[in-house]
Amino acid sequence: MAKWESQLDEINKEFLDDEFYKDDEELSFKLTEYKAKFIECDQDLSGDLNVMDVKYLLQKLGQAKTHLEVMNMIKEVDSTHKDAINYRDFVKMMLGAKSSILKIILLFEGLGKAKEKPKGLPPKRDLSSLP
C-alpha cells in the first residue's frame, strides 16, 4: 500500500508543478482530499476505480445507480479506455471545468446525508403561513 500511495503522491506533485493549476491557492489541500477519497473508494486496491468501486461510492453517498449508469459515468471520465478511472483521470475530473455527473455527486455528497431531526414540538402555524 505504501508504494501505491507514493505513486499517488507523485501524481499529486505533477499537478502541483503544472503551470495550468498554479493559480489555485487551495490545490495542495484539494489534492490531499482527492487522494484520501480515491483510496477510500478503491476497494480492491487496484489503483483504478472500476464499476464496483464507483457503485460502492455512490451507494455510500445515498446515490445508488444502475450498472449501466455507472458505466456511462466512468466512460465520461476514463481517458485510458479500460472501463475504470485511474487517479490522474479522477483528479482531472475534480479540478476540471467540465462537470461530470460523478463530479457533481462527489462535490455535493453532504446533501445526501441524513439531516438531524429537530427536537421538541413543531412550531405553531396558522392559515396565513400556508402557501
C-alpha atoms as a PDB file:
ATOM      1  CA  MET A   1       0.000   0.000   0.000  1.00  0.00           C
ATOM      2  CA  ALA A   2       2.870   2.414   0.759  1.00  0.00           C
ATOM      3  CA  LYS A   3       4.233   2.072  -2.802  1.00  0.00           C
ATOM      4  CA  TRP A   4       0.773   2.684  -4.231  1.00  0.00           C
ATOM      5  CA  GLU A   5       0.299   5.801  -2.066  1.00  0.00           C
ATOM      6  CA  SER A   6       3.708   7.102  -3.125  1.00  0.00           C
ATOM      7  CA  GLN A   7       2.594   6.760  -6.764  1.00  0.00           C
ATOM      8  CA  LEU A   8      -0.454   8.888  -5.942  1.00  0.00           C
ATOM      9  CA  ASP A   9       1.834  11.431  -4.251  1.00  0.00           C
ATOM     10  CA  GLU A  10       3.954  11.581  -7.423  1.00  0.00           C
ATOM     11  CA  ILE A  11       0.840  12.287  -9.496  1.00  0.00           C
ATOM     12  CA  ASN A  12      -0.161  14.994  -6.996  1.00  0.00           C
ATOM     13  CA  LYS A  13       3.305  16.540  -7.399  1.00  0.00           C
ATOM     14  CA  GLU A  14       2.802  16.619 -11.176  1.00  0.00           C
ATOM     15  CA  PHE A  15      -0.389  18.632 -10.665  1.00  0.00           C
ATOM     16  CA  LEU A  16       1.330  20.955  -8.162  1.00  0.00           C
ATOM     17  CA  ASP A  17       4.138  21.605 -10.677  1.00  0.00           C
ATOM     18  CA  ASP A  18       1.757  22.102 -13.616  1.00  0.00           C
ATOM     19  CA  GLU A  19       1.568  25.738 -14.779  1.00  0.00           C
ATOM     20  CA  PHE A  20      -2.116  25.308 -15.638  1.00  0.00           C
ATOM     21  CA  TYR A  21      -3.050  24.905 -11.948  1.00  0.00           C
ATOM     22  CA  LYS A  22      -0.566  27.405 -10.449  1.00  0.00           C
ATOM     23  CA  ASP A  23      -3.272  29.992  -9.649  1.00  0.00           C
ATOM     24  CA  ASP A  24      -5.256  27.585  -7.467  1.00  0.00           C
ATOM     25  CA  GLU A  25      -4.206  28.508  -3.919  1.00  0.00           C
ATOM     26  CA  GLU A  26      -6.002  25.526  -2.381  1.00  0.00           C
ATOM     27  CA  LEU A  27      -4.569  22.978  -4.808  1.00  0.00           C
ATOM     28  CA  SER A  28      -2.437  21.175  -2.222  1.00  0.00           C
ATOM     29  CA  PHE A  29      -5.424  20.809   0.127  1.00  0.00           C
ATOM     30  CA  LYS A  30      -7.697  19.644  -2.701  1.00  0.00           C
ATOM     31  CA  LEU A  31      -5.184  17.029  -3.864  1.00  0.00           C
ATOM     32  CA  THR A  32      -4.860  15.667  -0.329  1.00  0.00           C
ATOM     33  CA  GLU A  33      -8.649  15.389  -0.110  1.00  0.00           C
ATOM     34  CA  TYR A  34      -8.929  13.742  -3.539  1.00  0.00           C
ATOM     35  CA  LYS A  35      -6.211  11.233  -2.679  1.00  0.00           C
ATOM     36  CA  ALA A  36      -7.997  10.240   0.536  1.00  0.00           C
ATOM     37  CA  LYS A  37     -11.332   9.873  -1.291  1.00  0.00           C
ATOM     38  CA  PHE A  38      -9.718   7.822  -4.076  1.00  0.00           C
ATOM     39  CA  ILE A  39      -8.013   5.471  -1.602  1.00  0.00           C
ATOM     40  CA  GLU A  40     -11.261   5.076   0.332  1.00  0.00           C
ATOM     41  CA  CYS A  41     -13.173   4.166  -2.832  1.00  0.00           C
ATOM     42  CA  ASP A  42     -10.616   1.797  -4.376  1.00  0.00           C
ATOM     43  CA  GLN A  43     -11.908  -1.307  -2.607  1.00  0.00           C
ATOM     44  CA  ASP A  44      -9.681  -3.809  -4.426  1.00  0.00           C
ATOM     45  CA  LEU A  45      -6.558  -1.581  -4.201  1.00  0.00           C
ATOM     46  CA  SER A  46      -6.042  -1.886  -7.956  1.00  0.00           C
ATOM     47  CA  GLY A  47      -5.154   1.767  -8.456  1.00  0.00           C
ATOM     48  CA  ASP A  48      -8.281   2.290 -10.557  1.00  0.00           C
ATOM     49  CA  LEU A  49     -11.918   2.881  -9.701  1.00  0.00           C
ATOM     50  CA  ASN A  50     -13.823   0.158 -11.522  1.00  0.00           C
ATOM     51  CA  VAL A  51     -17.600  -0.238 -11.786  1.00  0.00           C
ATOM     52  CA  MET A  52     -17.934  -1.885  -8.375  1.00  0.00           C
ATOM     53  CA  ASP A  53     -15.783   0.784  -6.687  1.00  0.00           C
ATOM     54  CA  VAL A  54     -17.888   3.597  -8.149  1.00  0.00           C
ATOM     55  CA  LYS A  55     -21.129   1.768  -7.270  1.00  0.00           C
ATOM     56  CA  TYR A  56     -19.869   1.394  -3.680  1.00  0.00           C
ATOM     57  CA  LEU A  57     -19.063   5.098  -3.517  1.00  0.00           C
ATOM     58  CA  LEU A  58     -22.442   6.143  -4.883  1.00  0.00           C
ATOM     59  CA  GLN A  59     -24.337   3.780  -2.559  1.00  0.00           C
ATOM     60  CA  LYS A  60     -22.370   5.135   0.389  1.00  0.00           C
ATOM     61  CA  LEU A  61     -23.469   8.643  -0.612  1.00  0.00           C
ATOM     62  CA  GLY A  62     -27.090   7.540  -0.953  1.00  0.00           C
ATOM     63  CA  GLN A  63     -26.990   7.905  -4.747  1.00  0.00           C
ATOM     64  CA  ALA A  64     -27.361   4.300  -5.898  1.00  0.00           C
ATOM     65  CA  LYS A  65     -27.185   3.919  -9.688  1.00  0.00           C
ATOM     66  CA  THR A  66     -27.673   1.040 -12.105  1.00  0.00           C
ATOM     67  CA  HIS A  67     -24.715  -0.786 -13.604  1.00  0.00           C
ATOM     68  CA  LEU A  68     -25.315   0.927 -16.967  1.00  0.00           C
ATOM     69  CA  GLU A  69     -25.461   4.395 -15.377  1.00  0.00           C
ATOM     70  CA  VAL A  70     -22.166   3.760 -13.570  1.00  0.00           C
ATOM     71  CA  MET A  71     -20.538   2.507 -16.789  1.00  0.00           C
ATOM     72  CA  ASN A  72     -21.633   5.696 -18.565  1.00  0.00           C
ATOM     73  CA  MET A  73     -20.206   7.833 -15.730  1.00  0.00           C
ATOM     74  CA  ILE A  74     -16.890   6.009 -15.991  1.00  0.00           C
ATOM     75  CA  LYS A  75     -16.754   6.339 -19.797  1.00  0.00           C
ATOM     76  CA  GLU A  76     -17.299  10.075 -19.428  1.00  0.00           C
ATOM     77  CA  VAL A  77     -14.091  10.370 -17.367  1.00  0.00           C
ATOM     78  CA  ASP A  78     -11.897   7.418 -18.477  1.00  0.00           C
ATOM     79  CA  SER A  79      -9.103   8.518 -20.835  1.00  0.00           C
ATOM     80  CA  THR A  80      -7.410   5.099 -20.957  1.00  0.00           C
ATOM     81  CA  HIS A  81     -10.486   3.186 -22.217  1.00  0.00           C
ATOM     82  CA  LYS A  82     -10.017   0.488 -19.546  1.00  0.00           C
ATOM     83  CA  ASP A  83     -13.561   0.961 -18.167  1.00  0.00           C
ATOM     84  CA  ALA A  84     -12.029   2.272 -14.951  1.00  0.00           C
ATOM     85  CA  ILE A  85     -10.990   5.667 -13.595  1.00  0.00           C
ATOM     86  CA  ASN A  86      -7.314   5.980 -12.746  1.00  0.00           C
ATOM     87  CA  TYR A  87      -6.134   8.549 -10.206  1.00  0.00           C
ATOM     88  CA  ARG A  88      -4.914  11.019 -12.831  1.00  0.00           C
ATOM     89  CA  ASP A  89      -8.340  10.980 -14.550  1.00  0.00           C
ATOM     90  CA  PHE A  90     -10.025  11.306 -11.152  1.00  0.00           C
ATOM     91  CA  VAL A  91      -8.016  14.430 -10.267  1.00  0.00           C
ATOM     92  CA  LYS A  92      -8.513  15.943 -13.733  1.00  0.00           C
ATOM     93  CA  MET A  93     -12.246  15.377 -13.362  1.00  0.00           C
ATOM     94  CA  MET A  94     -12.343  17.019  -9.936  1.00  0.00           C
ATOM     95  CA  LEU A  95     -10.170  20.002 -10.938  1.00  0.00           C
ATOM     96  CA  GLY A  96     -11.592  20.439 -14.427  1.00  0.00           C
ATOM     97  CA  ALA A  97     -14.181  22.947 -15.555  1.00  0.00           C
ATOM     98  CA  LYS A  98     -16.311  20.259 -17.194  1.00  0.00           C
ATOM     99  CA  SER A  99     -18.903  18.868 -14.814  1.00  0.00           C
ATOM    100  CA  SER A 100     -19.456  15.153 -14.986  1.00  0.00           C
ATOM    101  CA  ILE A 101     -22.289  13.553 -13.055  1.00  0.00           C
ATOM    102  CA  LEU A 102     -19.789  11.765 -10.825  1.00  0.00           C
ATOM    103  CA  LYS A 103     -18.033  15.048 -10.006  1.00  0.00           C
ATOM    104  CA  ILE A 104     -21.316  16.728  -9.113  1.00  0.00           C
ATOM    105  CA  ILE A 105     -22.280  13.862  -6.803  1.00  0.00           C
ATOM    106  CA  LEU A 106     -18.872  13.916  -5.093  1.00  0.00           C
ATOM    107  CA  LEU A 107     -18.903  17.689  -4.613  1.00  0.00           C
ATOM    108  CA  PHE A 108     -22.361  17.675  -3.098  1.00  0.00           C
ATOM    109  CA  GLU A 109     -22.055  14.485  -1.066  1.00  0.00           C
ATOM    110  CA  GLY A 110     -23.076  16.358   2.068  1.00  0.00           C
ATOM    111  CA  LEU A 111     -26.550  16.832   0.618  1.00  0.00           C
ATOM    112  CA  GLY A 112     -27.079  13.071   0.532  1.00  0.00           C
ATOM    113  CA  LYS A 113     -26.505  12.657   4.235  1.00  0.00           C
ATOM    114  CA  ALA A 114     -29.471  12.399   6.549  1.00  0.00           C
ATOM    115  CA  LYS A 115     -30.207  15.615   8.364  1.00  0.00           C
ATOM    116  CA  GLU A 116     -30.666  15.623  12.109  1.00  0.00           C
ATOM    117  CA  LYS A 117     -34.341  15.761  13.004  1.00  0.00           C
ATOM    118  CA  PRO A 118     -35.449  18.738  15.073  1.00  0.00           C
ATOM    119  CA  LYS A 119     -36.303  18.037  18.681  1.00  0.00           C
ATOM    120  CA  GLY A 120     -39.329  19.232  20.574  1.00  0.00           C
ATOM    121  CA  LEU A 121     -42.742  20.331  19.416  1.00  0.00           C
ATOM    122  CA  PRO A 122     -43.262  21.669  15.914  1.00  0.00           C
ATOM    123  CA  PRO A 123     -43.819  25.433  15.645  1.00  0.00           C
ATOM    124  CA  LYS A 124     -47.410  26.663  15.714  1.00  0.00           C
ATOM    125  CA  ARG A 125     -48.848  27.544  12.331  1.00  0.00           C
ATOM    126  CA  ASP A 126     -51.904  29.493  11.275  1.00  0.00           C
ATOM    127  CA  LEU A 127     -53.703  29.928   7.961  1.00  0.00           C
ATOM    128  CA  SER A 128     -51.543  32.887   6.917  1.00  0.00           C
ATOM    129  CA  SER A 129     -48.371  30.745   6.996  1.00  0.00           C
ATOM    130  CA  LEU A 130     -49.757  28.223   4.494  1.00  0.00           C
ATOM    131  CA  PRO A 131     -48.746  28.541   0.837  1.00  0.00           C
END
